[in-house]
Amino acid sequence: KEKRKERLLVDFQASRYKSGDPEPRSRILMRLPGGQRVESSFRQSDTVQVLHDWASICAKLPENEGKNFEVPPRFQLQTSYPKRELSDTSKTLKELDLVPDGTILLTVVEDDDD
């Protein structure tokens, strides 16, 4: 799992800083369970899977160094208004009306150890 996160971190940073990418961008603000906010820019054709990958590594990104937040191991993403779970990982930001900007919530998924 850690190796996958390391690979995601490298891939995310590489894709993010490509110069000359003509595709329109969307600014996404993510609210974490502890009240912290993290934001980044994405291509409008990026999918929910890209958001999920970003959420899983965002605490390790250089711009968030020293912010002292953690992302829970199990989480789900949802839009803030109207509230809807982002479970279809193939949907694009444009299809979800998260352009030119949007806010998503990261919520903890509790274990079902009852």
Foldseek 3Di string as FASTA:
>chain_A
DVVVLVVLQVVVVVVQPDPPPPAQKAKEWEAEPVGDIDIDIDGQQAWLVNVVSCLQNVCVHPVNPPVPDHADPAKWKFFDVPTDTRPPRNDGNVNVVCPNHGYMYIGHDDDPPD
